[in-house]
Amino acid sequence: MNEKKQEQPFKKLGDRLKTIRQKLHESVSEVSGAVEIDEPMLQRIEQGAERPSEDILMLLISHFGMQDDEAAGLWQLAGYDQPRGHGAHDHDDEANNKATILVMAVDPRIIYSDGVSVTANKNGVVMSFSQNNGSQNPLVTAKIGMSREQAQGVLSALQNALSHSLPKRLSDGKEQNK
């Protein structure tokens, strides 16, 4: 049995993803095409033999149109909410019962980009920010996924910020005397 668990360290995650796919009446081919991975990889993920990367898991969550609490459950099953070095298969019950602490820097660094690629489907939007590095393939500096509603909010906030931050014209001294 321990050997079986080693072969399928992410069985709970795989079973959950497979159940979701089947409830939506989608084939392995349809889902793998939608998130741009090959079918054998999706099958290994659904079998619990392979953990999807964070990017792939975000794409699956977006494709399936999952709510935040459902998405957080998948994220936890994949072991991404645990400290480095603790996979989802290490002490499953013990790890899931511990509190998670998120430490954020007071001074978060700004990542500048000179490009953005936006992909959207009926479930959400993924923005990939990039920085030109002199080659044909710019370096992706950040990816952000969100619901369509959140994307509308971001669009509105950007438009509002830009409209209130137009550069001021410097006076030539004549206006001061008026």
C-alpha atoms as a PDB file:
ATOM      1  CA  MET A   1       0.000   0.000   0.000  1.00  0.00           C
ATOM      2  CA  ASN A   2       2.841   2.386   0.785  1.00  0.00           C
ATOM      3  CA  GLU A   3       4.279   1.585  -2.641  1.00  0.00           C
ATOM      4  CA  LYS A   4       0.907   2.436  -4.233  1.00  0.00           C
ATOM      5  CA  LYS A   5       0.867   5.792  -2.425  1.00  0.00           C
ATOM      6  CA  GLN A   6       4.324   6.586  -3.813  1.00  0.00           C
ATOM      7  CA  GLU A   7       3.042   5.895  -7.345  1.00  0.00           C
ATOM      8  CA  GLN A   8       0.035   8.192  -6.822  1.00  0.00           C
ATOM      9  CA  PRO A   9       1.130  10.912  -4.378  1.00  0.00           C
ATOM     10  CA  PHE A  10      -1.588  13.280  -5.622  1.00  0.00           C
ATOM     11  CA  LYS A  11      -4.448  10.775  -5.896  1.00  0.00           C
ATOM     12  CA  LYS A  12      -6.967  12.975  -4.041  1.00  0.00           C
ATOM     13  CA  LEU A  13      -6.198  15.922  -6.322  1.00  0.00           C
ATOM     14  CA  GLY A  14      -6.379  13.754  -9.442  1.00  0.00           C
ATOM     15  CA  ASP A  15      -9.667  12.163  -8.392  1.00  0.00           C
ATOM     16  CA  ARG A  16     -11.169  15.602  -7.694  1.00  0.00           C
ATOM     17  CA  LEU A  17     -10.071  17.018 -11.062  1.00  0.00           C
ATOM     18  CA  LYS A  18     -11.383  13.943 -12.896  1.00  0.00           C
ATOM     19  CA  THR A  19     -14.741  14.185 -11.091  1.00  0.00           C
ATOM     20  CA  ILE A  20     -15.068  17.861 -12.013  1.00  0.00           C
ATOM     21  CA  ARG A  21     -14.215  17.143 -15.660  1.00  0.00           C
ATOM     22  CA  GLN A  22     -16.740  14.301 -15.823  1.00  0.00           C
ATOM     23  CA  LYS A  23     -19.502  16.386 -14.198  1.00  0.00           C
ATOM     24  CA  LEU A  24     -18.973  18.974 -16.918  1.00  0.00           C
ATOM     25  CA  HIS A  25     -19.183  16.197 -19.541  1.00  0.00           C
ATOM     26  CA  GLU A  26     -15.799  17.068 -20.985  1.00  0.00           C
ATOM     27  CA  SER A  27     -13.288  14.613 -22.418  1.00  0.00           C
ATOM     28  CA  VAL A  28      -9.606  14.440 -21.534  1.00  0.00           C
ATOM     29  CA  SER A  29      -8.945  15.711 -25.058  1.00  0.00           C
ATOM     30  CA  GLU A  30     -11.214  18.765 -24.625  1.00  0.00           C
ATOM     31  CA  VAL A  31      -9.727  19.785 -21.281  1.00  0.00           C
ATOM     32  CA  SER A  32      -6.110  19.166 -22.287  1.00  0.00           C
ATOM     33  CA  GLY A  33      -6.673  21.246 -25.427  1.00  0.00           C
ATOM     34  CA  ALA A  34      -8.305  24.058 -23.474  1.00  0.00           C
ATOM     35  CA  VAL A  35      -5.391  24.367 -21.023  1.00  0.00           C
ATOM     36  CA  GLU A  36      -2.793  23.564 -23.681  1.00  0.00           C
ATOM     37  CA  ILE A  37      -1.210  20.446 -22.185  1.00  0.00           C
ATOM     38  CA  ASP A  38      -0.906  17.038 -23.793  1.00  0.00           C
ATOM     39  CA  GLU A  39      -3.457  14.329 -23.018  1.00  0.00           C
ATOM     40  CA  PRO A  40      -0.979  11.937 -21.344  1.00  0.00           C
ATOM     41  CA  MET A  41       0.008  14.679 -18.892  1.00  0.00           C
ATOM     42  CA  LEU A  42      -3.634  15.333 -17.961  1.00  0.00           C
ATOM     43  CA  GLN A  43      -4.150  11.587 -17.535  1.00  0.00           C
ATOM     44  CA  ARG A  44      -1.111  11.365 -15.195  1.00  0.00           C
ATOM     45  CA  ILE A  45      -2.498  14.322 -13.213  1.00  0.00           C
ATOM     46  CA  GLU A  46      -5.938  12.684 -12.943  1.00  0.00           C
ATOM     47  CA  GLN A  47      -4.324   9.389 -11.887  1.00  0.00           C
ATOM     48  CA  GLY A  48      -2.486  11.215  -9.096  1.00  0.00           C
ATOM     49  CA  ALA A  49       0.919  10.296 -10.477  1.00  0.00           C
ATOM     50  CA  GLU A  50       1.889  13.878 -11.294  1.00  0.00           C
ATOM     51  CA  ARG A  51       1.222  17.228  -9.669  1.00  0.00           C
ATOM     52  CA  PRO A  52       0.258  19.992 -12.095  1.00  0.00           C
ATOM     53  CA  SER A  53       2.438  23.092 -12.048  1.00  0.00           C
ATOM     54  CA  GLU A  54       0.895  26.149 -10.395  1.00  0.00           C
ATOM     55  CA  ASP A  55       0.233  27.624 -13.862  1.00  0.00           C
ATOM     56  CA  ILE A  56      -1.501  24.467 -15.108  1.00  0.00           C
ATOM     57  CA  LEU A  57      -3.582  24.222 -11.934  1.00  0.00           C
ATOM     58  CA  MET A  58      -4.659  27.868 -12.347  1.00  0.00           C
ATOM     59  CA  LEU A  59      -5.639  27.183 -15.953  1.00  0.00           C
ATOM     60  CA  LEU A  60      -7.668  24.120 -14.899  1.00  0.00           C
ATOM     61  CA  ILE A  61      -9.400  26.115 -12.150  1.00  0.00           C
ATOM     62  CA  SER A  62     -10.196  28.873 -14.641  1.00  0.00           C
ATOM     63  CA  HIS A  63     -11.345  26.436 -17.324  1.00  0.00           C
ATOM     64  CA  PHE A  64     -13.680  24.658 -14.897  1.00  0.00           C
ATOM     65  CA  GLY A  65     -15.058  28.005 -13.653  1.00  0.00           C
ATOM     66  CA  MET A  66     -14.482  27.098 -10.025  1.00  0.00           C
ATOM     67  CA  GLN A  67     -15.471  29.297  -7.103  1.00  0.00           C
ATOM     68  CA  ASP A  68     -12.785  30.561  -4.706  1.00  0.00           C
ATOM     69  CA  ASP A  69     -13.408  27.970  -1.975  1.00  0.00           C
ATOM     70  CA  GLU A  70     -13.336  25.086  -4.467  1.00  0.00           C
ATOM     71  CA  ALA A  71     -10.167  26.458  -6.045  1.00  0.00           C
ATOM     72  CA  ALA A  72      -8.527  26.811  -2.621  1.00  0.00           C
ATOM     73  CA  GLY A  73      -9.346  23.160  -1.931  1.00  0.00           C
ATOM     74  CA  LEU A  74      -7.598  22.064  -5.127  1.00  0.00           C
ATOM     75  CA  TRP A  75      -4.658  24.317  -4.344  1.00  0.00           C
ATOM     76  CA  GLN A  76      -4.377  22.655  -0.932  1.00  0.00           C
ATOM     77  CA  LEU A  77      -4.644  19.144  -2.386  1.00  0.00           C
ATOM     78  CA  ALA A  78      -1.773  20.026  -4.732  1.00  0.00           C
ATOM     79  CA  GLY A  79       0.304  21.062  -1.712  1.00  0.00           C
ATOM     80  CA  TYR A  80       0.882  24.621  -2.854  1.00  0.00           C
ATOM     81  CA  ASP A  81      -0.304  26.105   0.425  1.00  0.00           C
ATOM     82  CA  GLN A  82       2.322  24.223   2.413  1.00  0.00           C
ATOM     83  CA  PRO A  83       5.910  25.272   3.161  1.00  0.00           C
ATOM     84  CA  ARG A  84       8.593  24.176   0.690  1.00  0.00           C
ATOM     85  CA  GLY A  85       9.710  20.616   1.250  1.00  0.00           C
ATOM     86  CA  HIS A  86       6.268  19.384   2.345  1.00  0.00           C
ATOM     87  CA  GLY A  87       4.379  17.718  -0.482  1.00  0.00           C
ATOM     88  CA  ALA A  88       0.690  16.917  -0.283  1.00  0.00           C
ATOM     89  CA  HIS A  89       1.609  13.253   0.209  1.00  0.00           C
ATOM     90  CA  ASP A  90       3.725  13.853   3.344  1.00  0.00           C
ATOM     91  CA  HIS A  91       1.565  13.369   6.434  1.00  0.00           C
ATOM     92  CA  ASP A  92      -1.681  14.308   4.653  1.00  0.00           C
ATOM     93  CA  ASP A  93      -3.873  14.545   7.751  1.00  0.00           C
ATOM     94  CA  GLU A  94      -1.296  16.299   9.899  1.00  0.00           C
ATOM     95  CA  ALA A  95      -0.362  18.863   7.233  1.00  0.00           C
ATOM     96  CA  ASN A  96      -3.997  19.691   6.438  1.00  0.00           C
ATOM     97  CA  ASN A  97      -4.804  20.387  10.087  1.00  0.00           C
ATOM     98  CA  LYS A  98      -1.990  22.889  10.651  1.00  0.00           C
ATOM     99  CA  ALA A  99      -2.567  26.614  10.318  1.00  0.00           C
ATOM    100  CA  THR A 100      -0.920  28.296   7.350  1.00  0.00           C
ATOM    101  CA  ILE A 101       0.857  31.584   7.930  1.00  0.00           C
ATOM    102  CA  LEU A 102       1.447  33.970   5.062  1.00  0.00           C
ATOM    103  CA  VAL A 103       4.199  36.516   5.573  1.00  0.00           C
ATOM    104  CA  MET A 104       4.214  39.466   3.228  1.00  0.00           C
ATOM    105  CA  ALA A 105       6.957  42.024   2.930  1.00  0.00           C
ATOM    106  CA  VAL A 106       6.103  45.535   4.059  1.00  0.00           C
ATOM    107  CA  ASP A 107       7.946  46.882   1.027  1.00  0.00           C
ATOM    108  CA  PRO A 108       6.926  44.684  -1.905  1.00  0.00           C
ATOM    109  CA  ARG A 109       9.146  45.196  -4.912  1.00  0.00           C
ATOM    110  CA  ILE A 110       7.672  46.418  -8.159  1.00  0.00           C
ATOM    111  CA  ILE A 111       8.233  44.275 -11.203  1.00  0.00           C
ATOM    112  CA  TYR A 112       8.270  46.389 -14.322  1.00  0.00           C
ATOM    113  CA  SER A 113       7.150  44.970 -17.622  1.00  0.00           C
ATOM    114  CA  ASP A 114       7.092  46.197 -21.158  1.00  0.00           C
ATOM    115  CA  GLY A 115       4.604  43.694 -22.491  1.00  0.00           C
ATOM    116  CA  VAL A 116       1.419  41.914 -21.573  1.00  0.00           C
ATOM    117  CA  SER A 117      -0.479  39.037 -23.106  1.00  0.00           C
ATOM    118  CA  VAL A 118      -4.116  38.590 -22.115  1.00  0.00           C
ATOM    119  CA  THR A 119      -6.085  35.404 -22.674  1.00  0.00           C
ATOM    120  CA  ALA A 120      -9.740  35.069 -21.767  1.00  0.00           C
ATOM    121  CA  ASN A 121     -12.444  32.464 -21.931  1.00  0.00           C
ATOM    122  CA  LYS A 122     -15.967  32.257 -20.519  1.00  0.00           C
ATOM    123  CA  ASN A 123     -14.575  31.473 -17.050  1.00  0.00           C
ATOM    124  CA  GLY A 124     -11.835  34.024 -16.563  1.00  0.00           C
ATOM    125  CA  VAL A 125      -8.802  35.964 -17.669  1.00  0.00           C
ATOM    126  CA  VAL A 126      -5.067  35.322 -17.418  1.00  0.00           C
ATOM    127  CA  MET A 127      -2.628  38.210 -17.872  1.00  0.00           C
ATOM    128  CA  SER A 128       1.011  37.332 -18.539  1.00  0.00           C
ATOM    129  CA  PHE A 129       3.338  40.282 -17.978  1.00  0.00           C
ATOM    130  CA  SER A 130       6.705  40.109 -19.711  1.00  0.00           C
ATOM    131  CA  GLN A 131      10.006  41.913 -19.997  1.00  0.00           C
ATOM    132  CA  ASN A 132      11.924  42.116 -23.250  1.00  0.00           C
ATOM    133  CA  ASN A 133      15.315  40.491 -22.777  1.00  0.00           C
ATOM    134  CA  GLY A 134      16.708  41.021 -26.244  1.00  0.00           C
ATOM    135  CA  SER A 135      15.667  37.625 -27.586  1.00  0.00           C
ATOM    136  CA  GLN A 136      12.619  36.603 -29.589  1.00  0.00           C
ATOM    137  CA  ASN A 137      10.918  35.237 -26.461  1.00  0.00           C
ATOM    138  CA  PRO A 138      10.365  37.864 -23.766  1.00  0.00           C
ATOM    139  CA  LEU A 139      10.796  36.745 -20.154  1.00  0.00           C
ATOM    140  CA  VAL A 140       7.475  36.271 -18.349  1.00  0.00           C
ATOM    141  CA  THR A 141       7.771  38.178 -15.061  1.00  0.00           C
ATOM    142  CA  ALA A 142       4.314  37.513 -13.633  1.00  0.00           C
ATOM    143  CA  LYS A 143       1.054  35.744 -14.434  1.00  0.00           C
ATOM    144  CA  ILE A 144      -2.206  36.777 -12.854  1.00  0.00           C
ATOM    145  CA  GLY A 145      -5.441  34.863 -13.183  1.00  0.00           C
ATOM    146  CA  MET A 146      -8.850  36.235 -12.259  1.00  0.00           C
ATOM    147  CA  SER A 147     -12.548  35.895 -12.885  1.00  0.00           C
ATOM    148  CA  ARG A 148     -14.195  37.922 -15.627  1.00  0.00           C
ATOM    149  CA  GLU A 149     -15.837  40.084 -12.950  1.00  0.00           C
ATOM    150  CA  GLN A 150     -12.476  40.799 -11.346  1.00  0.00           C
ATOM    151  CA  ALA A 151     -11.046  41.677 -14.777  1.00  0.00           C
ATOM    152  CA  GLN A 152     -13.865  44.217 -15.302  1.00  0.00           C
ATOM    153  CA  GLY A 153     -12.983  45.725 -11.914  1.00  0.00           C
ATOM    154  CA  VAL A 154      -9.292  45.907 -12.840  1.00  0.00           C
ATOM    155  CA  LEU A 155     -10.170  47.569 -16.152  1.00  0.00           C
ATOM    156  CA  SER A 156     -12.327  50.137 -14.360  1.00  0.00           C
ATOM    157  CA  ALA A 157      -9.629  50.804 -11.740  1.00  0.00           C
ATOM    158  CA  LEU A 158      -6.988  51.268 -14.476  1.00  0.00           C
ATOM    159  CA  GLN A 159      -9.197  53.673 -16.413  1.00  0.00           C
ATOM    160  CA  ASN A 160      -9.947  55.629 -13.238  1.00  0.00           C
ATOM    161  CA  ALA A 161      -6.292  55.813 -12.194  1.00  0.00           C
ATOM    162  CA  LEU A 162      -5.166  56.890 -15.651  1.00  0.00           C
ATOM    163  CA  SER A 163      -7.853  59.558 -15.965  1.00  0.00           C
ATOM    164  CA  HIS A 164      -6.836  61.100 -12.631  1.00  0.00           C
ATOM    165  CA  SER A 165      -3.128  60.996 -13.287  1.00  0.00           C
ATOM    166  CA  LEU A 166      -2.819  62.852 -16.565  1.00  0.00           C
ATOM    167  CA  PRO A 167       0.380  64.902 -16.669  1.00  0.00           C
ATOM    168  CA  LYS A 168      -0.103  68.503 -15.559  1.00  0.00           C
ATOM    169  CA  ARG A 169       0.993  71.221 -17.929  1.00  0.00           C
ATOM    170  CA  LEU A 170       3.643  73.463 -16.471  1.00  0.00           C
ATOM    171  CA  SER A 171       2.719  77.112 -16.539  1.00  0.00           C
ATOM    172  CA  ASP A 172       4.869  79.611 -18.423  1.00  0.00           C
ATOM    173  CA  GLY A 173       4.494  82.205 -15.684  1.00  0.00           C
ATOM    174  CA  LYS A 174       1.757  84.190 -17.453  1.00  0.00           C
ATOM    175  CA  GLU A 175      -1.069  82.253 -15.776  1.00  0.00           C
ATOM    176  CA  GLN A 176       0.203  83.105 -12.288  1.00  0.00           C
ATOM    177  CA  ASN A 177      -0.642  86.800 -12.733  1.00  0.00           C
ATOM    178  CA  LYS A 178      -4.269  86.153 -13.695  1.00  0.00           C
END
